[in-house]
Amino acid sequence: QAQLVESGGGLVQLGGPLRLSCAASGSIFSNYGMGWLLQAPGKQRELVAAILSGTTRNYADSVKGRFTISRDNAKNTLYLRMNSLKPEDTAVYYCNARRYYSGSYTDFWGQGTQVTVSP
């Protein structure tokens, strides 16, 4: 069973940086696209950034130029570097692994890590 374990969340001041990490188990890194999603209180989970095969990266418009997603395949770890943080970035951030196979998606999720940006 694949496992994803996030770390690196916390309280940060307006404009500050933070780096999230997601350690993956098993062979998930070799076969899955990886991404970060956030969920603010009372809202649906939404995509922040994703890294697909090779170096293809996608970002939500709200984080372009501020956040960088990367992966270290040797360490089976996904990262999200967040700069110039804003109060509206406050949310629980989830690591996701997704694979499309035979007409359906398989998803694995981490437990989430809280990011709070103080004004």
C-alpha atoms as a PDB file:
ATOM      1  CA  GLN A   1       0.000   0.000   0.000  1.00  0.00           C
ATOM      2  CA  ALA A   2       1.460   3.320  -1.070  1.00  0.00           C
ATOM      3  CA  GLN A   3       1.984   5.932   1.607  1.00  0.00           C
ATOM      4  CA  LEU A   4       2.538   9.646   1.356  1.00  0.00           C
ATOM      5  CA  VAL A   5       3.798  11.589   4.362  1.00  0.00           C
ATOM      6  CA  GLU A   6       3.866  15.376   4.268  1.00  0.00           C
ATOM      7  CA  SER A   7       6.001  17.628   6.416  1.00  0.00           C
ATOM      8  CA  GLY A   8       7.110  21.237   6.552  1.00  0.00           C
ATOM      9  CA  GLY A   9       3.881  23.071   7.269  1.00  0.00           C
ATOM     10  CA  GLY A  10       3.537  25.652   9.992  1.00  0.00           C
ATOM     11  CA  LEU A  11       3.000  29.295  10.793  1.00  0.00           C
ATOM     12  CA  VAL A  12       4.772  31.865   8.623  1.00  0.00           C
ATOM     13  CA  GLN A  13       4.574  35.628   8.341  1.00  0.00           C
ATOM     14  CA  LEU A  14       3.236  37.476   5.344  1.00  0.00           C
ATOM     15  CA  GLY A  15       5.776  37.393   2.526  1.00  0.00           C
ATOM     16  CA  GLY A  16       7.795  34.595   4.077  1.00  0.00           C
ATOM     17  CA  PRO A  17       8.913  31.299   2.555  1.00  0.00           C
ATOM     18  CA  LEU A  18       8.075  27.737   3.414  1.00  0.00           C
ATOM     19  CA  ARG A  19       8.965  24.385   1.904  1.00  0.00           C
ATOM     20  CA  LEU A  20       6.721  21.361   2.042  1.00  0.00           C
ATOM     21  CA  SER A  21       7.987  17.834   1.569  1.00  0.00           C
ATOM     22  CA  CYS A  22       6.161  14.633   0.726  1.00  0.00           C
ATOM     23  CA  ALA A  23       7.938  11.327   1.227  1.00  0.00           C
ATOM     24  CA  ALA A  24       6.475   8.519  -0.846  1.00  0.00           C
ATOM     25  CA  SER A  25       6.759   4.796  -0.318  1.00  0.00           C
ATOM     26  CA  GLY A  26       6.874   1.963  -2.744  1.00  0.00           C
ATOM     27  CA  SER A  27       7.168   2.397  -6.458  1.00  0.00           C
ATOM     28  CA  ILE A  28       4.815   5.313  -6.554  1.00  0.00           C
ATOM     29  CA  PHE A  29       7.311   7.764  -7.875  1.00  0.00           C
ATOM     30  CA  SER A  30       8.093   5.700 -10.926  1.00  0.00           C
ATOM     31  CA  ASN A  31       4.509   5.301 -12.035  1.00  0.00           C
ATOM     32  CA  TYR A  32       2.489   8.249 -10.762  1.00  0.00           C
ATOM     33  CA  GLY A  33       2.124  11.908 -11.460  1.00  0.00           C
ATOM     34  CA  MET A  34       2.539  13.903  -8.254  1.00  0.00           C
ATOM     35  CA  GLY A  35       0.936  17.079  -7.048  1.00  0.00           C
ATOM     36  CA  TRP A  36      -0.029  19.374  -4.214  1.00  0.00           C
ATOM     37  CA  LEU A  37      -3.554  20.450  -3.471  1.00  0.00           C
ATOM     38  CA  LEU A  38      -4.895  22.764  -0.825  1.00  0.00           C
ATOM     39  CA  GLN A  39      -8.133  22.904   1.072  1.00  0.00           C
ATOM     40  CA  ALA A  40      -9.190  26.038   2.865  1.00  0.00           C
ATOM     41  CA  PRO A  41     -11.916  25.915   5.534  1.00  0.00           C
ATOM     42  CA  GLY A  42     -15.336  25.478   3.975  1.00  0.00           C
ATOM     43  CA  LYS A  43     -13.958  25.102   0.469  1.00  0.00           C
ATOM     44  CA  GLN A  44     -13.244  22.275  -1.912  1.00  0.00           C
ATOM     45  CA  ARG A  45      -9.795  20.850  -2.430  1.00  0.00           C
ATOM     46  CA  GLU A  46      -8.046  22.537  -5.352  1.00  0.00           C
ATOM     47  CA  LEU A  47      -4.883  21.951  -7.306  1.00  0.00           C
ATOM     48  CA  VAL A  48      -1.857  24.065  -6.442  1.00  0.00           C
ATOM     49  CA  ALA A  49       0.824  22.439  -8.564  1.00  0.00           C
ATOM     50  CA  ALA A  50       1.518  19.168 -10.324  1.00  0.00           C
ATOM     51  CA  ILE A  51       4.530  17.533 -11.851  1.00  0.00           C
ATOM     52  CA  LEU A  52       3.944  14.874 -14.446  1.00  0.00           C
ATOM     53  CA  SER A  53       6.346  12.648 -16.288  1.00  0.00           C
ATOM     54  CA  GLY A  54       9.688  14.213 -16.978  1.00  0.00           C
ATOM     55  CA  THR A  55       9.708  17.928 -16.242  1.00  0.00           C
ATOM     56  CA  THR A  56       6.153  18.930 -17.128  1.00  0.00           C
ATOM     57  CA  ARG A  57       4.771  21.189 -14.404  1.00  0.00           C
ATOM     58  CA  ASN A  58       1.380  22.826 -13.968  1.00  0.00           C
ATOM     59  CA  TYR A  59       0.514  25.601 -11.519  1.00  0.00           C
ATOM     60  CA  ALA A  60      -2.636  27.300 -10.384  1.00  0.00           C
ATOM     61  CA  ASP A  61      -2.723  30.896 -11.608  1.00  0.00           C
ATOM     62  CA  SER A  62      -2.754  32.133  -8.023  1.00  0.00           C
ATOM     63  CA  VAL A  63       0.682  30.664  -7.267  1.00  0.00           C
ATOM     64  CA  LYS A  64       2.534  31.097 -10.562  1.00  0.00           C
ATOM     65  CA  GLY A  65       5.824  32.854  -9.985  1.00  0.00           C
ATOM     66  CA  ARG A  66       5.690  32.216  -6.219  1.00  0.00           C
ATOM     67  CA  PHE A  67       5.565  28.427  -5.827  1.00  0.00           C
ATOM     68  CA  THR A  68       7.845  25.794  -7.330  1.00  0.00           C
ATOM     69  CA  ILE A  69       7.131  22.081  -7.404  1.00  0.00           C
ATOM     70  CA  SER A  70       9.970  19.624  -7.734  1.00  0.00           C
ATOM     71  CA  ARG A  71      10.722  15.986  -7.167  1.00  0.00           C
ATOM     72  CA  ASP A  72      13.774  13.995  -6.146  1.00  0.00           C
ATOM     73  CA  ASN A  73      13.306  10.543  -7.594  1.00  0.00           C
ATOM     74  CA  ALA A  74      16.336   9.156  -5.767  1.00  0.00           C
ATOM     75  CA  LYS A  75      14.745  10.112  -2.445  1.00  0.00           C
ATOM     76  CA  ASN A  76      11.143   9.418  -3.499  1.00  0.00           C
ATOM     77  CA  THR A  77      10.280  12.890  -2.289  1.00  0.00           C
ATOM     78  CA  LEU A  78       8.118  15.647  -3.676  1.00  0.00           C
ATOM     79  CA  TYR A  79       8.643  19.276  -2.699  1.00  0.00           C
ATOM     80  CA  LEU A  80       6.707  22.503  -2.838  1.00  0.00           C
ATOM     81  CA  ARG A  81       8.742  25.636  -2.367  1.00  0.00           C
ATOM     82  CA  MET A  82       6.472  28.535  -1.474  1.00  0.00           C
ATOM     83  CA  ASN A  83       7.683  32.129  -1.582  1.00  0.00           C
ATOM     84  CA  SER A  84       5.954  35.455  -0.979  1.00  0.00           C
ATOM     85  CA  LEU A  85       3.225  33.786   1.023  1.00  0.00           C
ATOM     86  CA  LYS A  86      -0.103  35.537   1.424  1.00  0.00           C
ATOM     87  CA  PRO A  87      -2.879  35.075   3.993  1.00  0.00           C
ATOM     88  CA  GLU A  88      -5.047  33.550   1.262  1.00  0.00           C
ATOM     89  CA  ASP A  89      -2.499  30.730   0.961  1.00  0.00           C
ATOM     90  CA  THR A  90      -3.583  29.553   4.411  1.00  0.00           C
ATOM     91  CA  ALA A  91      -4.954  26.029   4.071  1.00  0.00           C
ATOM     92  CA  VAL A  92      -4.253  22.376   4.619  1.00  0.00           C
ATOM     93  CA  TYR A  93      -1.916  21.184   1.893  1.00  0.00           C
ATOM     94  CA  TYR A  94      -2.179  17.620   0.634  1.00  0.00           C
ATOM     95  CA  CYS A  95       0.282  15.586  -1.351  1.00  0.00           C
ATOM     96  CA  ASN A  96      -1.309  13.527  -4.110  1.00  0.00           C
ATOM     97  CA  ALA A  97      -0.139  10.710  -6.356  1.00  0.00           C
ATOM     98  CA  ARG A  98      -2.294   9.928  -9.353  1.00  0.00           C
ATOM     99  CA  ARG A  99      -2.135   7.431 -12.155  1.00  0.00           C
ATOM    100  CA  TYR A 100      -4.443   6.943 -15.098  1.00  0.00           C
ATOM    101  CA  TYR A 101      -4.699   3.323 -16.183  1.00  0.00           C
ATOM    102  CA  SER A 102      -7.304   1.326 -18.102  1.00  0.00           C
ATOM    103  CA  GLY A 103      -9.859   4.092 -18.115  1.00  0.00           C
ATOM    104  CA  SER A 104      -9.739   5.137 -14.480  1.00  0.00           C
ATOM    105  CA  TYR A 105      -7.670   7.126 -12.014  1.00  0.00           C
ATOM    106  CA  THR A 106      -6.001   5.774  -8.915  1.00  0.00           C
ATOM    107  CA  ASP A 107      -5.244   8.340  -6.220  1.00  0.00           C
ATOM    108  CA  PHE A 108      -3.199   8.238  -3.051  1.00  0.00           C
ATOM    109  CA  TRP A 109      -3.243  11.035  -0.493  1.00  0.00           C
ATOM    110  CA  GLY A 110      -1.121  12.193   2.366  1.00  0.00           C
ATOM    111  CA  GLN A 111      -2.590  13.192   5.714  1.00  0.00           C
ATOM    112  CA  GLY A 112      -2.234  16.900   5.023  1.00  0.00           C
ATOM    113  CA  THR A 113      -0.109  19.605   6.576  1.00  0.00           C
ATOM    114  CA  GLN A 114      -1.411  22.948   7.810  1.00  0.00           C
ATOM    115  CA  VAL A 115       0.049  26.154   6.421  1.00  0.00           C
ATOM    116  CA  THR A 116      -0.960  29.372   8.147  1.00  0.00           C
ATOM    117  CA  VAL A 117       0.166  32.766   6.901  1.00  0.00           C
ATOM    118  CA  SER A 118      -0.186  35.570   9.426  1.00  0.00           C
ATOM    119  CA  PRO A 119      -0.919  39.100   8.138  1.00  0.00           C
END
